[in-house]
Amino acid sequence: MPDRNVLVAGAALLLVACSAAEAETPSSTASTTLSTAPSTISSTTSTTVPPTTTTTTVPPTTTSTTTSTTLAVPLLDRAIAAVGTRDGEETARVQQRLLEAGFWLVAVDGDYGHTTKQAVMAFQKYYGLKATGKVDDTTALALTQVSTWPQARSTDAGTIVEVDKDRQILMVVVNGRVLWVFNTSTGSGQWYLEQNQKDLTKWELGRSITDSGRFKINRERSNGWWAGDLGEIYRPKYFNGGIAIHGSRSIPNYPASHGCVRVSTAAMDMIWETGILPKGTTVWVYGDDVEAENEKPEMPTTTTSTTVPPLESTTTVVAP
C-alpha cells in the first residue's frame, strides 16, 4: 500500500507516463484502420503509322491511417463494495480504484477522509451519478465496471487545465490525455454585495461568474492562505484577473464560489509540489453559467465609519 510521499511523487511520474503510455504501457489498447485504395491503370493505344503511341494514366494510391489509444483501467478480481463513508480495508480498495481510474486523492490508507470524498464526488460527477461523496450501490458498481480513463476535450500538446462548469470538475490534461480529475466548484452565478475582507469600509458588488474562454496562469502565491477581497484563498494560481485556481475548505457538489475555481487544499499542495501547473499553463474554461436567482443589489449610499479589528481577530471569512 503506497504512502503519501509515493503518491505525490506518482503524480510527477504520470506526466512521463502520459506521453509514453501509447507505446509502452500494457494497459493501453490501440486500434488502427488502414484503408488503401487500389491503383487503377487504364491504357489506350492508338496506332495509325509506326511508331505506336501508348498513353497510360495511373491515379496515386491513397492510404489513410487512423490510430486511437485509450488508457485502460485494470480489471478487478472482485466487485467494489458500497462502503458509504466508512473506514477500513474495503475503503482502501475504493481509494486504489479511484487512483487507477484517474481521480486524485492523497493516499491509499483506508481512511475515508476529505480527499477520498472529493475523489468520489469527482467520479460521480464525471459519470453522471448523484454527487453525494458516498460510495453507494450505484457508485460501487460504476467503480467496479469502469474500464477506461476519463477523456479530455483538448488534443493540444503540452499541459492544459480543463474546467468543466457543467459537470463541475477540473481535469489536468497532458498531450491530450487526462492526468488527474478533481472535484471543483466554480461561480454560483448569483449577485453579491459584501464587505471587502481587507478593508471593511468598502463594499464589493458583482456577479459570481467564472468566465468561459482560454487563459494563461500569469501570477501565483505559493505560501499558505492569503486574504483576498472576498475571503481567504489557499496558494492561488491566477489566470483571469482576480480569478484563480486555489485551495478551499469547502468544495461542494454545486457551483458556490464568487468566480474562482476551488479544489481541496491537499490537491493544491500536490499541484505546487509536483510543479504540474507552472505559470504560462493554459486554462480552458467551458460550459454554461448558472442563471442568477436574485436581483442585482444596490450599493450603499451612506458612508459608515468602521473600526477595522486586527487581522488575527477577524472571525468572519467569506470564501471566494
Protein backbone atom coordinates (compact mmCIF):
# COMPACT_ATOMS: atom_id res chain seq x y z
CA MET A 1 0.00 0.00 0.00
CA PRO A 2 1.60 3.31 -1.10
CA ASP A 3 2.26 6.05 1.40
CA ARG A 4 1.65 9.76 0.92
CA ASN A 5 5.13 10.53 -0.43
CA VAL A 6 4.89 7.82 -3.04
CA LEU A 7 1.52 9.10 -4.24
CA VAL A 8 2.75 12.68 -4.53
CA ALA A 9 5.76 11.51 -6.48
CA GLY A 10 3.46 9.39 -8.61
CA ALA A 11 1.74 12.45 -10.00
CA ALA A 12 5.03 13.66 -11.44
CA LEU A 13 5.80 10.24 -12.87
CA LEU A 14 2.42 10.15 -14.58
CA LEU A 15 3.46 13.21 -16.61
CA VAL A 16 6.03 10.97 -18.25
CA ALA A 17 3.67 8.00 -18.38
CA CYS A 18 1.02 10.01 -20.22
CA SER A 19 3.46 10.75 -23.03
CA ALA A 20 4.79 7.19 -23.21
CA ALA A 21 1.67 5.16 -22.44
CA GLU A 22 0.69 4.68 -26.08
CA ALA A 23 3.90 2.86 -26.86
CA GLU A 24 4.94 1.33 -23.57
CA THR A 25 2.11 0.62 -21.11
CA PRO A 26 0.40 -2.80 -21.26
CA SER A 27 -2.86 -1.13 -20.23
CA SER A 28 -3.05 0.86 -23.47
CA THR A 29 -5.11 -0.50 -26.36
CA ALA A 30 -4.72 0.68 -29.91
CA SER A 31 -6.96 0.24 -32.91
CA THR A 32 -5.66 1.00 -36.38
CA THR A 33 -7.77 1.25 -39.51
CA LEU A 34 -5.82 1.12 -42.72
CA SER A 35 -7.68 1.95 -45.90
CA THR A 36 -5.82 1.63 -49.19
CA ALA A 37 -7.47 2.47 -52.49
CA PRO A 38 -6.30 0.09 -55.25
CA SER A 39 -4.30 1.52 -58.12
CA THR A 40 -6.29 1.83 -61.34
CA ILE A 41 -4.47 1.62 -64.63
CA SER A 42 -6.16 2.34 -67.92
CA SER A 43 -4.27 2.06 -71.19
CA THR A 44 -5.34 3.42 -74.54
CA THR A 45 -3.28 2.53 -77.62
CA SER A 46 -3.85 4.33 -80.91
CA THR A 47 -1.85 3.19 -83.95
CA THR A 48 -2.04 4.93 -87.35
CA VAL A 49 1.50 4.68 -88.56
CA PRO A 50 4.54 3.49 -86.66
CA PRO A 51 5.67 4.24 -84.07
CA THR A 52 2.93 3.12 -81.64
CA THR A 53 1.85 5.73 -79.08
CA THR A 54 0.67 4.43 -75.68
CA THR A 55 -0.97 6.68 -73.06
CA THR A 56 -1.18 5.31 -69.51
CA THR A 57 -2.91 7.09 -66.57
CA VAL A 58 -2.17 5.82 -63.04
CA PRO A 59 -4.02 7.54 -60.14
CA PRO A 60 -1.95 7.80 -56.97
CA THR A 61 -2.61 5.23 -54.30
CA THR A 62 -4.24 6.87 -51.24
CA THR A 63 -3.58 5.45 -47.78
CA SER A 64 -5.32 6.77 -44.64
CA THR A 65 -4.39 5.53 -41.21
CA THR A 66 -6.32 6.34 -38.04
CA THR A 67 -4.92 5.32 -34.66
CA SER A 68 -6.75 5.80 -31.38
CA THR A 69 -5.33 4.94 -27.99
CA THR A 70 -7.30 4.71 -24.77
CA LEU A 71 -5.70 4.22 -21.38
CA ALA A 72 -7.38 1.20 -19.76
CA VAL A 73 -8.29 0.67 -16.11
CA PRO A 74 -7.22 -2.73 -14.69
CA LEU A 75 -9.87 -5.41 -14.25
CA LEU A 76 -10.84 -6.36 -10.70
CA ASP A 77 -10.89 -9.88 -9.27
CA ARG A 78 -13.94 -8.99 -7.15
CA ALA A 79 -16.51 -6.21 -7.01
CA ILE A 80 -16.13 -2.98 -5.06
CA ALA A 81 -18.41 -2.88 -2.01
CA ALA A 82 -20.71 0.02 -1.12
CA VAL A 83 -18.77 1.34 1.88
CA GLY A 84 -20.72 4.59 2.26
CA THR A 85 -18.17 6.72 4.10
CA ARG A 86 -16.78 4.01 6.39
CA ASP A 87 -13.07 3.47 7.03
CA GLY A 88 -11.42 0.10 6.54
CA GLU A 89 -9.80 -2.32 4.12
CA GLU A 90 -12.60 -2.06 1.56
CA THR A 91 -12.23 1.72 1.57
CA ALA A 92 -8.55 1.20 0.71
CA ARG A 93 -9.75 -0.77 -2.35
CA VAL A 94 -12.05 2.14 -3.24
CA GLN A 95 -9.12 4.55 -2.95
CA GLN A 96 -6.87 2.37 -5.11
CA ARG A 97 -9.61 2.04 -7.71
CA LEU A 98 -10.15 5.80 -7.87
CA LEU A 99 -6.44 6.38 -8.47
CA GLU A 100 -6.38 3.67 -11.14
CA ALA A 101 -9.33 5.39 -12.84
CA GLY A 102 -7.69 8.86 -12.86
CA PHE A 103 -9.33 10.53 -9.84
CA TRP A 104 -6.78 12.05 -7.47
CA LEU A 105 -6.66 11.51 -3.70
CA VAL A 106 -3.85 11.85 -1.22
CA ALA A 107 -3.27 8.26 0.00
CA VAL A 108 -4.47 4.66 -0.06
CA ASP A 109 -4.80 4.25 3.69
CA GLY A 110 -8.36 3.03 4.33
CA ASP A 111 -9.31 6.36 5.90
CA TYR A 112 -12.42 7.85 4.27
CA GLY A 113 -11.10 11.37 4.63
CA HIS A 114 -11.62 14.64 2.79
CA THR A 115 -9.71 13.87 -0.42
CA THR A 116 -11.37 10.45 -0.71
CA LYS A 117 -14.78 12.11 -0.52
CA GLN A 118 -13.63 14.68 -3.09
CA ALA A 119 -12.39 11.96 -5.45
CA VAL A 120 -15.64 10.01 -5.10
CA MET A 121 -17.61 13.17 -5.84
CA ALA A 122 -15.47 13.90 -8.92
CA PHE A 123 -16.02 10.32 -10.12
CA GLN A 124 -19.77 10.66 -9.62
CA LYS A 125 -19.87 13.98 -11.44
CA TYR A 126 -17.85 12.71 -14.40
CA TYR A 127 -20.05 9.64 -14.88
CA GLY A 128 -23.35 11.43 -14.32
CA LEU A 129 -24.18 9.90 -10.94
CA LYS A 130 -25.70 11.71 -7.96
CA ALA A 131 -22.75 13.55 -6.42
CA THR A 132 -23.04 12.65 -2.74
CA GLY A 133 -19.40 11.85 -2.00
CA LYS A 134 -20.56 8.47 -0.63
CA VAL A 135 -19.92 5.07 -2.19
CA ASP A 136 -23.48 3.77 -2.54
CA ASP A 137 -24.52 0.70 -4.55
CA THR A 138 -24.65 2.60 -7.85
CA THR A 139 -21.23 4.17 -7.33
CA ALA A 140 -19.70 0.86 -6.22
CA LEU A 141 -20.99 -0.82 -9.39
CA ALA A 142 -19.62 2.01 -11.56
CA LEU A 143 -16.22 1.75 -9.85
CA THR A 144 -16.21 -2.00 -10.46
CA GLN A 145 -17.14 -1.70 -14.13
CA VAL A 146 -15.13 1.36 -15.18
CA SER A 147 -12.76 0.32 -17.96
CA THR A 148 -11.10 3.48 -19.32
CA TRP A 149 -9.70 6.74 -18.01
CA PRO A 150 -11.69 9.97 -18.47
CA GLN A 151 -11.45 11.65 -21.86
CA ALA A 152 -10.39 15.28 -22.36
CA ARG A 153 -11.65 17.73 -24.95
CA SER A 154 -8.18 19.08 -25.58
CA THR A 155 -5.85 17.38 -28.04
CA ASP A 156 -3.13 20.03 -27.70
CA ALA A 157 0.48 19.18 -27.00
CA GLY A 158 1.72 20.08 -23.53
CA THR A 159 -0.26 20.63 -20.34
CA ILE A 160 -3.68 22.26 -20.19
CA VAL A 161 -6.24 22.63 -17.40
CA GLU A 162 -9.85 21.99 -18.40
CA VAL A 163 -12.52 23.48 -16.14
CA ASP A 164 -15.88 21.92 -16.99
CA LYS A 165 -18.57 24.17 -15.50
CA ASP A 166 -21.40 21.83 -16.49
CA ARG A 167 -20.02 18.84 -14.59
CA GLN A 168 -18.10 20.89 -12.00
CA ILE A 169 -14.82 19.05 -12.46
CA LEU A 170 -11.25 20.15 -13.16
CA MET A 171 -9.00 18.00 -15.35
CA VAL A 172 -5.24 18.28 -15.78
CA VAL A 173 -4.52 17.13 -19.33
CA VAL A 174 -1.09 16.29 -20.78
CA ASN A 175 -0.73 15.85 -24.55
CA GLY A 176 -4.45 15.24 -24.91
CA ARG A 177 -4.65 12.63 -22.15
CA VAL A 178 -6.13 13.16 -18.69
CA LEU A 179 -3.57 13.04 -15.90
CA TRP A 180 -5.91 13.68 -12.95
CA VAL A 181 -9.53 14.68 -12.35
CA PHE A 182 -10.55 16.81 -9.33
CA ASN A 183 -13.83 17.88 -7.82
CA THR A 184 -14.28 21.63 -8.20
CA SER A 185 -16.77 24.41 -7.52
CA THR A 186 -16.97 27.45 -9.80
CA GLY A 187 -19.04 30.65 -9.82
CA SER A 188 -22.54 30.39 -8.35
CA GLY A 189 -23.99 32.82 -10.91
CA GLN A 190 -25.61 34.91 -8.16
CA TRP A 191 -25.25 38.61 -7.43
CA TYR A 192 -23.40 39.56 -4.27
CA LEU A 193 -22.85 42.66 -2.17
CA GLU A 194 -20.29 42.05 0.55
CA GLN A 195 -17.81 43.95 2.63
CA ASN A 196 -14.25 43.89 1.40
CA GLN A 197 -12.46 41.46 3.71
CA LYS A 198 -9.26 43.53 3.62
CA ASP A 199 -11.00 46.88 4.14
CA LEU A 200 -14.35 46.70 5.93
CA THR A 201 -15.15 50.30 4.94
CA LYS A 202 -15.50 49.16 1.31
CA TRP A 203 -18.16 47.09 -0.43
CA GLU A 204 -17.78 44.59 -3.25
CA LEU A 205 -20.62 44.29 -5.76
CA GLY A 206 -20.66 41.79 -8.60
CA ARG A 207 -21.98 38.58 -10.07
CA SER A 208 -20.35 35.25 -9.27
CA ILE A 209 -19.25 34.17 -12.74
CA THR A 210 -16.32 32.05 -13.91
CA ASP A 211 -15.86 33.36 -17.45
CA SER A 212 -15.53 30.84 -20.26
CA GLY A 213 -12.51 31.03 -22.55
CA ARG A 214 -8.84 30.18 -22.81
CA PHE A 215 -6.48 31.88 -20.38
CA LYS A 216 -2.92 31.52 -19.06
CA ILE A 217 -1.75 31.20 -15.47
CA ASN A 218 0.01 34.56 -15.10
CA ARG A 219 0.68 35.04 -11.38
CA GLU A 220 0.63 32.94 -8.23
CA ARG A 221 1.22 32.86 -4.49
CA SER A 222 2.95 29.78 -3.16
CA ASN A 223 2.74 30.09 0.61
CA GLY A 224 -0.37 29.25 2.61
CA TRP A 225 -3.54 31.27 2.98
CA TRP A 226 -3.93 34.76 1.52
CA ALA A 227 -6.54 37.37 2.35
CA GLY A 228 -8.48 38.21 -0.79
CA ASP A 229 -11.09 40.94 -1.16
CA LEU A 230 -13.83 38.32 -0.78
CA GLY A 231 -12.16 35.98 1.69
CA GLU A 232 -9.20 33.69 2.22
CA ILE A 233 -7.71 31.66 -0.61
CA TYR A 234 -5.02 28.96 -0.46
CA ARG A 235 -1.91 29.00 -2.70
CA PRO A 236 -3.71 30.58 -5.67
CA LYS A 237 -2.75 30.40 -9.33
CA TYR A 238 -4.42 33.33 -11.11
CA PHE A 239 -5.47 33.04 -14.75
CA ASN A 240 -8.12 35.75 -15.38
CA GLY A 241 -7.71 38.95 -13.38
CA GLY A 242 -8.62 38.09 -9.79
CA ILE A 243 -9.96 34.65 -10.76
CA ALA A 244 -7.72 31.80 -9.64
CA ILE A 245 -7.47 28.08 -9.15
CA HIS A 246 -6.97 27.82 -5.39
CA GLY A 247 -7.38 25.60 -2.39
CA SER A 248 -10.51 25.88 -0.28
CA ARG A 249 -12.02 24.31 2.82
CA SER A 250 -15.36 23.93 1.01
CA ILE A 251 -15.79 22.29 -2.41
CA PRO A 252 -19.45 21.24 -2.59
CA ASN A 253 -21.21 19.37 -5.39
CA TYR A 254 -22.56 22.57 -6.96
CA PRO A 255 -21.27 25.99 -8.15
CA ALA A 256 -20.67 28.02 -4.99
CA SER A 257 -17.74 30.40 -5.47
CA HIS A 258 -17.56 34.08 -6.33
CA GLY A 259 -15.88 33.05 -9.60
CA CYS A 260 -12.70 31.27 -8.58
CA VAL A 261 -12.08 27.58 -9.25
CA ARG A 262 -11.91 25.72 -5.94
CA VAL A 263 -10.06 22.48 -5.22
CA SER A 264 -9.07 20.91 -1.91
CA THR A 265 -6.05 22.31 -0.07
CA ALA A 266 -4.37 18.90 -0.34
CA ALA A 267 -4.87 18.93 -4.11
CA MET A 268 -3.41 22.43 -4.27
CA ASP A 269 -0.38 21.27 -2.28
CA MET A 270 0.15 18.41 -4.74
CA ILE A 271 -0.13 20.80 -7.70
CA TRP A 272 2.58 23.02 -6.21
CA GLU A 273 4.86 20.18 -5.05
CA THR A 274 4.83 18.37 -8.40
CA GLY A 275 5.06 21.56 -10.48
CA ILE A 276 2.46 20.33 -12.96
CA LEU A 277 0.84 23.78 -13.43
CA PRO A 278 3.58 26.39 -13.84
CA LYS A 279 2.99 29.95 -14.98
CA GLY A 280 2.07 30.01 -18.64
CA THR A 281 -0.12 26.90 -18.43
CA THR A 282 -3.34 27.22 -20.44
CA VAL A 283 -6.62 27.15 -18.51
CA TRP A 284 -9.62 26.31 -20.70
CA VAL A 285 -12.96 27.12 -19.05
CA TYR A 286 -16.11 25.88 -20.79
CA GLY A 287 -19.76 25.14 -20.05
CA ASP A 288 -22.83 27.15 -19.09
CA ASP A 289 -23.10 29.68 -16.28
CA VAL A 290 -25.76 29.37 -13.60
CA GLU A 291 -28.62 31.82 -14.01
CA ALA A 292 -28.93 34.43 -11.27
CA GLU A 293 -31.89 33.82 -8.97
CA ASN A 294 -31.54 37.13 -7.16
CA GLU A 295 -31.74 40.76 -8.19
CA LYS A 296 -28.70 42.95 -8.54
CA PRO A 297 -28.31 44.73 -5.17
CA GLU A 298 -27.84 48.47 -4.76
CA MET A 299 -24.56 49.81 -3.48
CA PRO A 300 -24.87 51.50 -0.06
CA THR A 301 -25.14 55.27 -0.42
CA THR A 302 -24.25 56.19 3.15
CA THR A 303 -20.74 56.46 4.49
CA THR A 304 -20.14 54.34 7.55
CA SER A 305 -17.22 54.78 9.88
CA THR A 306 -15.95 51.33 10.74
CA THR A 307 -13.18 50.36 13.10
CA VAL A 308 -11.33 47.50 11.50
CA PRO A 309 -10.12 44.91 14.02
CA PRO A 310 -6.66 43.39 13.65
CA LEU A 311 -6.49 40.63 11.05
CA GLU A 312 -5.84 37.93 13.63
CA SER A 313 -9.06 38.77 15.49
CA THR A 314 -11.29 38.76 12.41
CA THR A 315 -13.62 35.78 12.69
CA THR A 316 -15.88 36.18 9.64
CA VAL A 317 -14.44 34.94 6.36
CA VAL A 318 -16.31 34.73 3.07
CA ALA A 319 -14.66 32.13 0.87
CA PRO A 320 -14.27 33.11 -2.76
